[in-house]
Protein backbone atom coordinates (compact mmCIF):
# COMPACT_ATOMS: atom_id res chain seq x y z
CA MET A 1 -30.63 58.14 -5.60
CA ARG A 2 -29.85 55.21 -7.89
CA GLY A 3 -26.90 55.21 -10.35
CA GLU A 4 -24.27 53.26 -12.06
CA VAL A 5 -20.69 53.40 -11.82
CA LEU A 6 -18.99 54.78 -14.93
CA HIS A 7 -15.34 54.55 -13.65
CA TYR A 8 -13.57 53.81 -10.40
CA ASP A 9 -9.87 53.53 -9.74
CA GLU A 10 -8.89 51.41 -6.84
CA ASP A 11 -5.57 52.72 -6.58
CA GLN A 12 -6.57 56.36 -6.62
CA GLY A 13 -9.77 55.70 -4.62
CA PHE A 14 -11.59 58.14 -7.05
CA GLY A 15 -14.20 57.65 -9.75
CA PHE A 16 -17.63 58.68 -11.24
CA ILE A 17 -21.16 57.71 -10.90
CA THR A 18 -24.00 58.62 -13.35
CA GLY A 19 -27.31 59.30 -11.42
CA ALA A 20 -30.88 58.68 -12.17
CA ASP A 21 -31.06 62.42 -12.94
CA GLY A 22 -28.67 62.27 -15.72
CA SER A 23 -25.87 64.13 -13.79
CA ARG A 24 -22.40 62.85 -13.19
CA TYR A 25 -21.02 62.72 -9.56
CA THR A 26 -17.60 62.13 -8.22
CA VAL A 27 -17.03 59.43 -5.68
CA ARG A 28 -14.22 59.00 -3.32
CA ARG A 29 -13.16 55.91 -1.28
CA GLU A 30 -14.19 57.48 1.97
CA ASP A 31 -17.68 57.94 0.61
CA LEU A 32 -18.17 54.21 0.22
CA ARG A 33 -20.45 52.56 2.81
CA HIS A 34 -18.52 49.31 2.40
CA GLN A 35 -15.01 48.95 1.16
CA THR A 36 -15.86 46.94 -1.91
CA ALA A 37 -14.70 46.97 -5.52
CA LEU A 38 -16.73 49.23 -7.64
CA ALA A 39 -16.61 47.59 -11.15
CA ARG A 40 -17.76 49.63 -14.00
CA GLY A 41 -21.53 49.25 -14.65
CA THR A 42 -22.12 48.35 -10.97
CA ALA A 43 -25.68 49.61 -9.78
CA VAL A 44 -25.26 51.71 -6.57
CA GLU A 45 -27.34 53.73 -4.20
CA PHE A 46 -26.03 56.95 -3.00
CA GLN A 47 -26.83 60.44 -1.47
CA PRO A 48 -26.08 63.15 -3.91
CA GLY A 49 -24.69 66.53 -2.82
CA GLY A 50 -22.58 69.32 -4.57
CA GLY A 51 -21.67 66.96 -7.56
CA GLN A 52 -20.47 64.29 -5.25
CA ALA A 53 -21.79 60.97 -4.37
CA ARG A 54 -21.86 60.14 -0.59
CA ASP A 55 -22.73 57.05 1.35
CA VAL A 56 -22.35 54.82 -1.71
CA PHE A 57 -23.22 51.14 -1.65
CA SER A 58 -23.83 48.56 -4.38
CA ILE A 59 -27.30 47.12 -4.83
CA ALA A 60 -27.66 43.48 -4.31
CA ALA A 61 -28.19 41.32 -7.42
CA GLN A 62 -31.91 40.62 -7.91
CA THR A 63 -33.15 37.03 -8.03
CA ALA A 64 -33.49 35.12 -11.11
CA GLY A 65 -36.00 36.38 -13.55
CA PRO A 66 -36.38 38.71 -16.52
CA ALA A 67 -34.53 41.87 -16.35
CA PRO A 68 -36.37 44.91 -14.90
CA ASP A 69 -36.37 46.76 -18.11
CA ALA A 70 -37.41 43.64 -20.13
CA ALA A 71 -40.33 43.00 -17.61
CA VAL A 72 -41.48 46.65 -17.89
CA ASN A 73 -41.31 46.66 -21.68
CA ALA A 74 -43.20 43.23 -21.77
CA ALA A 75 -45.82 44.74 -19.36
CA LEU A 76 -46.13 47.85 -21.63
CA ALA A 77 -46.49 45.66 -24.71
CA GLN A 78 -49.42 43.84 -23.06
CA SER A 79 -51.09 46.81 -21.58
CA GLY A 80 -50.92 48.92 -24.81
CA PRO A 81 -49.19 52.42 -25.44
CA ALA A 82 -48.30 54.34 -22.33
CA PRO A 83 -50.84 57.23 -21.48
CA ALA A 84 -49.99 60.69 -22.64
CA GLY A 85 -47.80 62.46 -20.07
CA ALA A 86 -46.39 59.27 -18.42
CA PRO A 87 -42.70 59.51 -17.56
CA PRO A 88 -40.34 57.53 -19.57
CA THR A 89 -38.83 54.32 -18.22
CA GLN A 90 -35.43 55.06 -16.50
CA HIS A 91 -32.32 53.49 -17.62
CA PHE A 92 -28.77 53.75 -16.22
CA GLY A 93 -25.44 53.62 -18.01
CA ARG A 94 -23.74 55.80 -20.51
CA SER A 95 -25.92 54.56 -23.67
CA ALA A 96 -29.08 55.82 -21.81
CA GLU A 97 -27.61 58.81 -20.08
CA PRO A 98 -29.25 62.20 -21.31
CA ALA A 99 -26.34 64.21 -23.02
CA GLU A 100 -25.29 67.26 -21.18
CA PRO A 101 -25.55 70.52 -23.20
CA THR A 102 -22.14 71.22 -24.78
CA GLY A 103 -22.54 74.98 -25.61
CA LEU A 104 -20.11 77.64 -24.45
CA TRP A 105 -22.74 79.29 -22.04
CA ASP A 106 -23.68 75.86 -20.79
CA TYR A 107 -20.08 75.07 -19.76
CA PHE A 108 -19.67 78.56 -18.33
CA TRP A 109 -22.92 78.17 -16.17
CA ARG A 110 -22.02 74.59 -14.94
CA GLY A 111 -18.53 76.00 -13.93
CA LEU A 112 -20.15 78.46 -11.62
CA THR A 113 -22.85 76.16 -10.18
CA GLN A 114 -22.42 72.30 -10.11
CA ASN A 115 -18.52 72.44 -10.75
CA TYR A 116 -17.99 75.44 -8.28
CA PHE A 117 -15.82 73.26 -6.01
CA ASN A 118 -15.09 70.60 -8.56
CA PHE A 119 -11.29 69.74 -8.77
CA GLY A 120 -11.73 66.19 -10.03
CA GLY A 121 -12.55 64.90 -13.54
CA ARG A 122 -11.86 66.47 -17.06
CA ALA A 123 -12.44 69.52 -18.98
CA ARG A 124 -12.22 69.71 -22.81
CA ARG A 125 -10.76 72.75 -24.50
CA LYS A 126 -14.27 73.87 -25.55
CA GLU A 127 -15.36 73.70 -21.87
CA TYR A 128 -12.26 75.73 -20.80
CA TRP A 129 -12.58 78.49 -23.53
CA GLY A 130 -16.35 78.68 -23.15
CA TYR A 131 -15.78 79.38 -19.41
CA CYS A 132 -13.12 82.14 -20.17
CA LEU A 133 -15.19 83.74 -22.92
CA PHE A 134 -18.24 84.29 -20.65
CA TRP A 135 -16.06 85.12 -17.65
CA THR A 136 -14.50 87.93 -19.62
CA ILE A 137 -17.87 89.22 -20.68
CA ALA A 138 -19.21 89.09 -17.06
CA LEU A 139 -15.99 90.81 -16.01
CA LEU A 140 -16.49 93.60 -18.42
CA ALA A 141 -20.25 94.01 -17.51
CA VAL A 142 -19.12 94.38 -13.65
CA ILE A 143 -16.41 96.79 -14.52
CA GLY A 144 -19.06 98.85 -16.59
CA ILE A 145 -21.58 98.75 -13.85
CA GLY A 146 -18.90 100.14 -11.47
CA VAL A 147 -17.64 102.85 -13.74
CA PHE A 148 -21.33 104.00 -14.40
CA ALA A 149 -21.97 104.07 -10.62
CA ASP A 150 -18.65 106.05 -9.88
CA VAL A 151 -19.52 108.60 -12.59
CA GLU A 152 -23.00 109.20 -11.01
CA ILE A 153 -21.58 109.57 -7.57
CA GLY A 154 -18.87 111.91 -8.83
CA ASN A 155 -15.76 109.73 -7.87
CA PHE A 156 -14.06 110.55 -11.15
CA ASP A 157 -14.59 114.49 -10.68
CA SER A 158 -12.36 114.50 -7.62
CA ILE A 159 -9.29 112.85 -6.13
CA GLU A 160 -11.40 110.13 -4.68
CA MET A 161 -10.83 106.58 -5.88
CA PRO A 162 -13.43 104.83 -8.04
CA ALA A 163 -14.45 102.90 -4.95
CA VAL A 164 -17.41 101.19 -6.68
CA THR A 165 -15.51 99.85 -9.59
CA ILE A 166 -12.58 98.62 -7.43
CA GLY A 167 -14.94 97.02 -4.90
CA LEU A 168 -17.20 95.17 -7.59
CA PHE A 169 -13.96 94.06 -9.51
CA GLY A 170 -12.52 92.58 -6.17
CA VAL A 171 -15.83 90.74 -5.43
CA PHE A 172 -16.19 89.30 -8.81
CA LEU A 173 -12.51 87.90 -8.77
CA LEU A 174 -12.96 86.39 -5.23
CA ALA A 175 -16.34 84.82 -6.25
CA THR A 176 -14.99 83.06 -9.37
CA PHE A 177 -11.44 82.22 -8.06
CA LEU A 178 -12.46 78.64 -7.02
CA PRO A 179 -14.31 77.67 -10.17
CA SER A 180 -11.68 79.24 -12.40
CA LEU A 181 -8.77 77.29 -10.53
CA GLY A 182 -10.93 74.12 -10.78
CA MET A 183 -11.34 74.64 -14.46
CA ILE A 184 -7.59 74.91 -14.97
CA VAL A 185 -7.16 71.69 -12.75
CA ARG A 186 -9.74 69.81 -14.90
CA ARG A 187 -8.12 70.93 -18.10
CA LEU A 188 -4.72 69.67 -17.00
CA HIS A 189 -6.53 66.36 -16.09
CA ASP A 190 -7.84 66.30 -19.57
CA LEU A 191 -4.46 66.06 -20.91
CA GLY A 192 -3.25 63.35 -18.52
CA LEU A 193 -1.36 65.68 -16.25
CA THR A 194 -1.42 66.45 -12.61
CA GLY A 195 -3.54 69.32 -11.51
CA TRP A 196 -0.82 70.59 -9.39
CA LEU A 197 0.81 72.04 -12.30
CA CYS A 198 -1.71 74.90 -11.98
CA LEU A 199 0.82 76.41 -9.55
CA VAL A 200 3.02 77.46 -12.59
CA ILE A 201 0.43 80.27 -12.63
CA LEU A 202 2.50 81.85 -9.70
CA ILE A 203 5.64 82.15 -11.90
CA PRO A 204 5.86 85.79 -12.74
CA SER A 205 5.60 86.89 -16.39
CA ILE A 206 5.34 83.48 -17.97
CA GLY A 207 2.99 81.68 -15.71
CA MET A 208 -0.17 82.65 -17.50
CA LEU A 209 1.55 81.85 -20.87
CA ILE A 210 2.23 78.24 -19.63
CA ILE A 211 -1.38 77.86 -18.84
CA LEU A 212 -2.34 79.24 -22.13
CA VAL A 213 -0.20 76.65 -23.90
CA PHE A 214 -1.84 73.73 -21.75
CA ALA A 215 -5.29 75.16 -22.63
CA LEU A 216 -4.60 74.86 -26.30
CA ILE A 217 -3.62 71.11 -26.34
CA PRO A 218 -6.23 68.66 -27.59
CA THR A 219 -7.94 66.29 -25.34
CA GLN A 220 -6.26 63.18 -24.50
CA GLY A 221 -8.26 60.62 -26.68
CA ARG A 222 -8.67 57.80 -24.06
CA GLU A 223 -9.89 57.24 -20.66
CA ASN A 224 -7.34 58.29 -17.92
CA GLN A 225 -7.13 58.12 -14.19
CA TRP A 226 -9.37 61.28 -13.86
CA GLY A 227 -12.30 59.76 -16.03
CA PRO A 228 -13.45 58.93 -19.41
CA VAL A 229 -13.14 61.21 -22.40
CA PRO A 230 -15.61 64.23 -22.09
CA ALA A 231 -18.79 64.10 -23.90
CA GLY A 232 -18.66 65.68 -27.33
CA VAL A 233 -15.04 64.91 -28.04
CA ARG A 234 -14.54 63.05 -31.30
CA VAL A 235 -11.92 60.34 -30.65
């Protein structure tokens, strides 16, 4: 897939690429085919997978002549309007990148899919709280299903434990552990802090309170070592 470098930190060996599909991918130094500098705006080819760009290499500069977009536009102008149903001309770069949905549900769904193992990048406050909102709703739904099943089985009519409720609760927590942890790490990155601060959650009594305070702090209004300001944030 073709794409363009949004950000790459040589010291950290980490950055971001926007692909032709409009998605953003992380790139690490070990994923570069050639150990060359990746300046912002560099056109690259890469293999996408799990939100990460692999086997990345820069595309050699084309020979002198009109820019590809300019040549395409000139050809279209001469041939007349494009036929109905024809795909739009592809562009790379932030200005032409399709905006990702920024709804609360969209953040939650991306957290469970393309960001499942994502511990890089940044997460704005809205993304964090959107994930927490629908995570809580999903948890209540899972518990409700478990309670209903246990009532039908009769587990609450005897000394038997509500096995279905406990089992579904445990499976849900295990299934969402990594995306939830990744969300906390990206929220810390958004503040310009190291993701290792997520370990404060292990402190009894006050660990979750500290994470809550971090979650309420506004986005750092500039690009930092973990990436550009998240989409939708007014700087």
